[in-house]
C-alpha atoms as a PDB file:
ATOM      1  CA  UNK A   1     -46.135  -1.244  13.634  1.00  0.00           C
ATOM      2  CA  UNK A   2     -43.694  -4.142  13.339  1.00  0.00           C
ATOM      3  CA  UNK A   3     -43.762  -3.924   9.552  1.00  0.00           C
ATOM      4  CA  UNK A   4     -42.839  -0.263   9.678  1.00  0.00           C
ATOM      5  CA  UNK A   5     -39.932  -0.959  12.068  1.00  0.00           C
ATOM      6  CA  UNK A   6     -38.672  -3.775   9.844  1.00  0.00           C
ATOM      7  CA  UNK A   7     -38.910  -1.544   6.785  1.00  0.00           C
ATOM      8  CA  UNK A   8     -36.947   1.242   8.507  1.00  0.00           C
ATOM      9  CA  UNK A   9     -34.327  -1.238   9.739  1.00  0.00           C
ATOM     10  CA  UNK A  10     -34.015  -2.758   6.246  1.00  0.00           C
ATOM     11  CA  UNK A  11     -33.551   0.653   4.646  1.00  0.00           C
ATOM     12  CA  UNK A  12     -30.921   1.594   7.240  1.00  0.00           C
ATOM     13  CA  UNK A  13     -28.953  -1.603   6.574  1.00  0.00           C
ATOM     14  CA  UNK A  14     -29.210  -1.069   2.814  1.00  0.00           C
ATOM     15  CA  UNK A  15     -27.914   2.484   3.228  1.00  0.00           C
ATOM     16  CA  UNK A  16     -24.920   1.314   5.268  1.00  0.00           C
ATOM     17  CA  UNK A  17     -24.052  -1.410   2.758  1.00  0.00           C
ATOM     18  CA  UNK A  18     -24.256   1.093  -0.106  1.00  0.00           C
ATOM     19  CA  UNK A  19     -22.013   3.520   1.756  1.00  0.00           C
ATOM     20  CA  UNK A  20     -19.390   0.835   2.465  1.00  0.00           C
ATOM     21  CA  UNK A  21     -19.379  -0.246  -1.183  1.00  0.00           C
ATOM     22  CA  UNK A  22     -19.021   3.366  -2.336  1.00  0.00           C
ATOM     23  CA  UNK A  23     -16.062   3.864   0.017  1.00  0.00           C
ATOM     24  CA  UNK A  24     -14.446   0.651  -1.291  1.00  0.00           C
ATOM     25  CA  UNK A  25     -14.748   1.959  -4.851  1.00  0.00           C
ATOM     26  CA  UNK A  26     -13.211   5.299  -3.844  1.00  0.00           C
ATOM     27  CA  UNK A  27     -10.188   3.655  -2.178  1.00  0.00           C
ATOM     28  CA  UNK A  28      -7.372   3.923  -4.689  1.00  0.00           C
ATOM     29  CA  UNK A  29      -3.625   3.789  -3.939  1.00  0.00           C
ATOM     30  CA  UNK A  30      -2.740   5.480  -7.249  1.00  0.00           C
ATOM     31  CA  UNK A  31      -0.267   8.293  -6.700  1.00  0.00           C
ATOM     32  CA  UNK A  32       3.189   9.127  -5.399  1.00  0.00           C
ATOM     33  CA  UNK A  33       3.964   8.077  -1.829  1.00  0.00           C
ATOM     34  CA  UNK A  34       6.781   9.316   0.452  1.00  0.00           C
ATOM     35  CA  UNK A  35       8.279   8.089   3.742  1.00  0.00           C
ATOM     36  CA  UNK A  36      11.609   7.956   5.612  1.00  0.00           C
ATOM     37  CA  UNK A  37      13.719   4.942   6.578  1.00  0.00           C
ATOM     38  CA  UNK A  38      16.664   4.928   8.974  1.00  0.00           C
ATOM     39  CA  UNK A  39      19.554   2.469   8.442  1.00  0.00           C
ATOM     40  CA  UNK A  40      22.688   2.605  10.592  1.00  0.00           C
ATOM     41  CA  UNK A  41      21.888   6.103  11.885  1.00  0.00           C
ATOM     42  CA  UNK A  42      21.309   7.390   8.335  1.00  0.00           C
ATOM     43  CA  UNK A  43      17.861   8.489   7.213  1.00  0.00           C
ATOM     44  CA  UNK A  44      16.825   8.032   3.583  1.00  0.00           C
ATOM     45  CA  UNK A  45      13.787   9.535   1.952  1.00  0.00           C
ATOM     46  CA  UNK A  46      11.836   6.891   0.057  1.00  0.00           C
ATOM     47  CA  UNK A  47       9.263   7.310  -2.664  1.00  0.00           C
ATOM     48  CA  UNK A  48       6.941   5.041  -4.554  1.00  0.00           C
ATOM     49  CA  UNK A  49       4.709   5.568  -7.570  1.00  0.00           C
ATOM     50  CA  UNK A  50       1.616   3.351  -7.706  1.00  0.00           C
ATOM     51  CA  UNK A  51      -1.106   2.867 -10.295  1.00  0.00           C
ATOM     52  CA  UNK A  52      -4.219   0.754  -9.811  1.00  0.00           C
ATOM     53  CA  UNK A  53      -5.856  -1.038 -12.738  1.00  0.00           C
ATOM     54  CA  UNK A  54      -8.716  -3.189 -11.401  1.00  0.00           C
ATOM     55  CA  UNK A  55      -7.109  -5.046  -8.499  1.00  0.00           C
ATOM     56  CA  UNK A  56      -3.697  -5.158 -10.220  1.00  0.00           C
ATOM     57  CA  UNK A  57      -1.188  -2.746  -8.773  1.00  0.00           C
ATOM     58  CA  UNK A  58       1.801  -1.545 -10.795  1.00  0.00           C
ATOM     59  CA  UNK A  59       4.430   1.043 -10.099  1.00  0.00           C
ATOM     60  CA  UNK A  60       8.057   1.932  -9.529  1.00  0.00           C
ATOM     61  CA  UNK A  61      10.365   2.763  -6.676  1.00  0.00           C
ATOM     62  CA  UNK A  62      13.464   4.881  -7.287  1.00  0.00           C
ATOM     63  CA  UNK A  63      16.698   3.482  -5.896  1.00  0.00           C
ATOM     64  CA  UNK A  64      20.292   4.578  -5.834  1.00  0.00           C
ATOM     65  CA  UNK A  65      21.193   7.008  -8.612  1.00  0.00           C
ATOM     66  CA  UNK A  66      17.413   7.498  -9.114  1.00  0.00           C
ATOM     67  CA  UNK A  67      17.180   4.243 -11.083  1.00  0.00           C
ATOM     68  CA  UNK A  68      13.506   3.241 -11.290  1.00  0.00           C
ATOM     69  CA  UNK A  69      12.781  -0.318 -10.148  1.00  0.00           C
ATOM     70  CA  UNK A  70       9.419  -1.834 -11.079  1.00  0.00           C
ATOM     71  CA  UNK A  71       7.353  -3.319  -8.295  1.00  0.00           C
ATOM     72  CA  UNK A  72       6.414  -7.003  -8.594  1.00  0.00           C
ATOM     73  CA  UNK A  73       3.346  -8.998  -7.544  1.00  0.00           C
ATOM     74  CA  UNK A  74       1.369  -5.829  -6.831  1.00  0.00           C
ATOM     75  CA  UNK A  75      -2.177  -6.257  -5.539  1.00  0.00           C
ATOM     76  CA  UNK A  76      -4.835  -4.078  -3.951  1.00  0.00           C
ATOM     77  CA  UNK A  77      -7.939  -5.588  -2.416  1.00  0.00           C
ATOM     78  CA  UNK A  78     -10.171  -4.584   0.485  1.00  0.00           C
ATOM     79  CA  UNK A  79      -7.895  -1.648   1.278  1.00  0.00           C
ATOM     80  CA  UNK A  80      -4.761  -3.814   1.499  1.00  0.00           C
ATOM     81  CA  UNK A  81      -1.680  -2.962  -0.567  1.00  0.00           C
ATOM     82  CA  UNK A  82       0.916  -5.651  -1.307  1.00  0.00           C
ATOM     83  CA  UNK A  83       3.986  -5.666  -3.582  1.00  0.00           C
ATOM     84  CA  UNK A  84       7.662  -6.624  -3.763  1.00  0.00           C
ATOM     85  CA  UNK A  85      10.765  -4.765  -4.948  1.00  0.00           C
ATOM     86  CA  UNK A  86      13.874  -6.661  -6.073  1.00  0.00           C
ATOM     87  CA  UNK A  87      17.142  -4.780  -6.340  1.00  0.00           C
ATOM     88  CA  UNK A  88      20.595  -5.939  -7.377  1.00  0.00           C
ATOM     89  CA  UNK A  89      23.824  -4.785  -5.776  1.00  0.00           C
ATOM     90  CA  UNK A  90      27.282  -6.345  -6.073  1.00  0.00           C
ATOM     91  CA  UNK A  91      25.812  -9.198  -8.143  1.00  0.00           C
ATOM     92  CA  UNK A  92      23.376 -10.082  -5.334  1.00  0.00           C
ATOM     93  CA  UNK A  93      19.598  -9.743  -5.464  1.00  0.00           C
ATOM     94  CA  UNK A  94      17.627  -8.369  -2.525  1.00  0.00           C
ATOM     95  CA  UNK A  95      13.837  -8.588  -2.379  1.00  0.00           C
ATOM     96  CA  UNK A  96      11.733  -6.547   0.009  1.00  0.00           C
ATOM     97  CA  UNK A  97       8.049  -7.369   0.445  1.00  0.00           C
ATOM     98  CA  UNK A  98       5.713  -4.531   1.418  1.00  0.00           C
ATOM     99  CA  UNK A  99       2.220  -4.892   2.849  1.00  0.00           C
ATOM    100  CA  UNK A 100       0.005  -2.172   4.221  1.00  0.00           C
ATOM    101  CA  UNK A 101      -3.473  -0.825   4.749  1.00  0.00           C
ATOM    102  CA  UNK A 102      -4.650   2.210   2.813  1.00  0.00           C
ATOM    103  CA  UNK A 103      -6.564   4.759   4.881  1.00  0.00           C
ATOM    104  CA  UNK A 104      -7.179   8.020   3.044  1.00  0.00           C
ATOM    105  CA  UNK A 105      -3.794   9.436   2.066  1.00  0.00           C
ATOM    106  CA  UNK A 106      -1.772   7.093   4.306  1.00  0.00           C
ATOM    107  CA  UNK A 107      -0.492   3.554   3.890  1.00  0.00           C
ATOM    108  CA  UNK A 108       0.655   1.872   7.123  1.00  0.00           C
ATOM    109  CA  UNK A 109       2.241  -1.542   7.112  1.00  0.00           C
ATOM    110  CA  UNK A 110       5.341  -3.720   7.257  1.00  0.00           C
ATOM    111  CA  UNK A 111       8.285  -4.313   4.973  1.00  0.00           C
ATOM    112  CA  UNK A 112      10.118  -7.622   5.167  1.00  0.00           C
ATOM    113  CA  UNK A 113      13.469  -8.579   3.700  1.00  0.00           C
ATOM    114  CA  UNK A 114      16.384 -10.898   4.271  1.00  0.00           C
ATOM    115  CA  UNK A 115      19.954  -9.740   4.648  1.00  0.00           C
ATOM    116  CA  UNK A 116      22.910 -12.033   5.274  1.00  0.00           C
ATOM    117  CA  UNK A 117      20.516 -14.858   6.128  1.00  0.00           C
ATOM    118  CA  UNK A 118      18.658 -12.801   8.725  1.00  0.00           C
ATOM    119  CA  UNK A 119      15.022 -11.833   8.254  1.00  0.00           C
ATOM    120  CA  UNK A 120      14.291  -8.171   8.888  1.00  0.00           C
ATOM    121  CA  UNK A 121      10.931  -6.532   9.400  1.00  0.00           C
ATOM    122  CA  UNK A 122      10.160  -2.876   9.898  1.00  0.00           C
ATOM    123  CA  UNK A 123       7.123  -0.653   9.996  1.00  0.00           C
ATOM    124  CA  UNK A 124       6.530   1.806   7.182  1.00  0.00           C
ATOM    125  CA  UNK A 125       4.067   4.647   6.894  1.00  0.00           C
ATOM    126  CA  UNK A 126       3.804   6.476   3.594  1.00  0.00           C
ATOM    127  CA  UNK A 127       1.933   9.677   2.849  1.00  0.00           C
ATOM    128  CA  UNK A 128       0.455  10.436  -0.566  1.00  0.00           C
ATOM    129  CA  UNK A 129       1.897  13.526  -2.221  1.00  0.00           C
ATOM    130  CA  UNK A 130      -0.724  16.075  -3.119  1.00  0.00           C
ATOM    131  CA  UNK A 131      -0.855  16.715  -6.866  1.00  0.00           C
END
């Protein structure tokens, strides 16, 4: 009887591990993502295009005048998205670091930047556009 119970328990554990691995393989941040950001009582619509190749994440984020800016240091591992975007304005460079967790068609996380010597952090939640 104990052998049978151990066998059933072993098969159940194996099934759960297989399911978790299959879900990990399905997780893919590739696509176009949209969210809103409010600065000084003005709301801007943001978008981001991501492409996953192994655990390397590449992509672009449109800025002012729809100029595409490439993301930097993009990674995706264990459902976590991480990348930076550096923009230049008035001969000054501004880098924003994004981190977030992918769950289905949503990425929730934080963006961090520095402006005038002050660190700023804000939540961001992006939704994948349906193709």
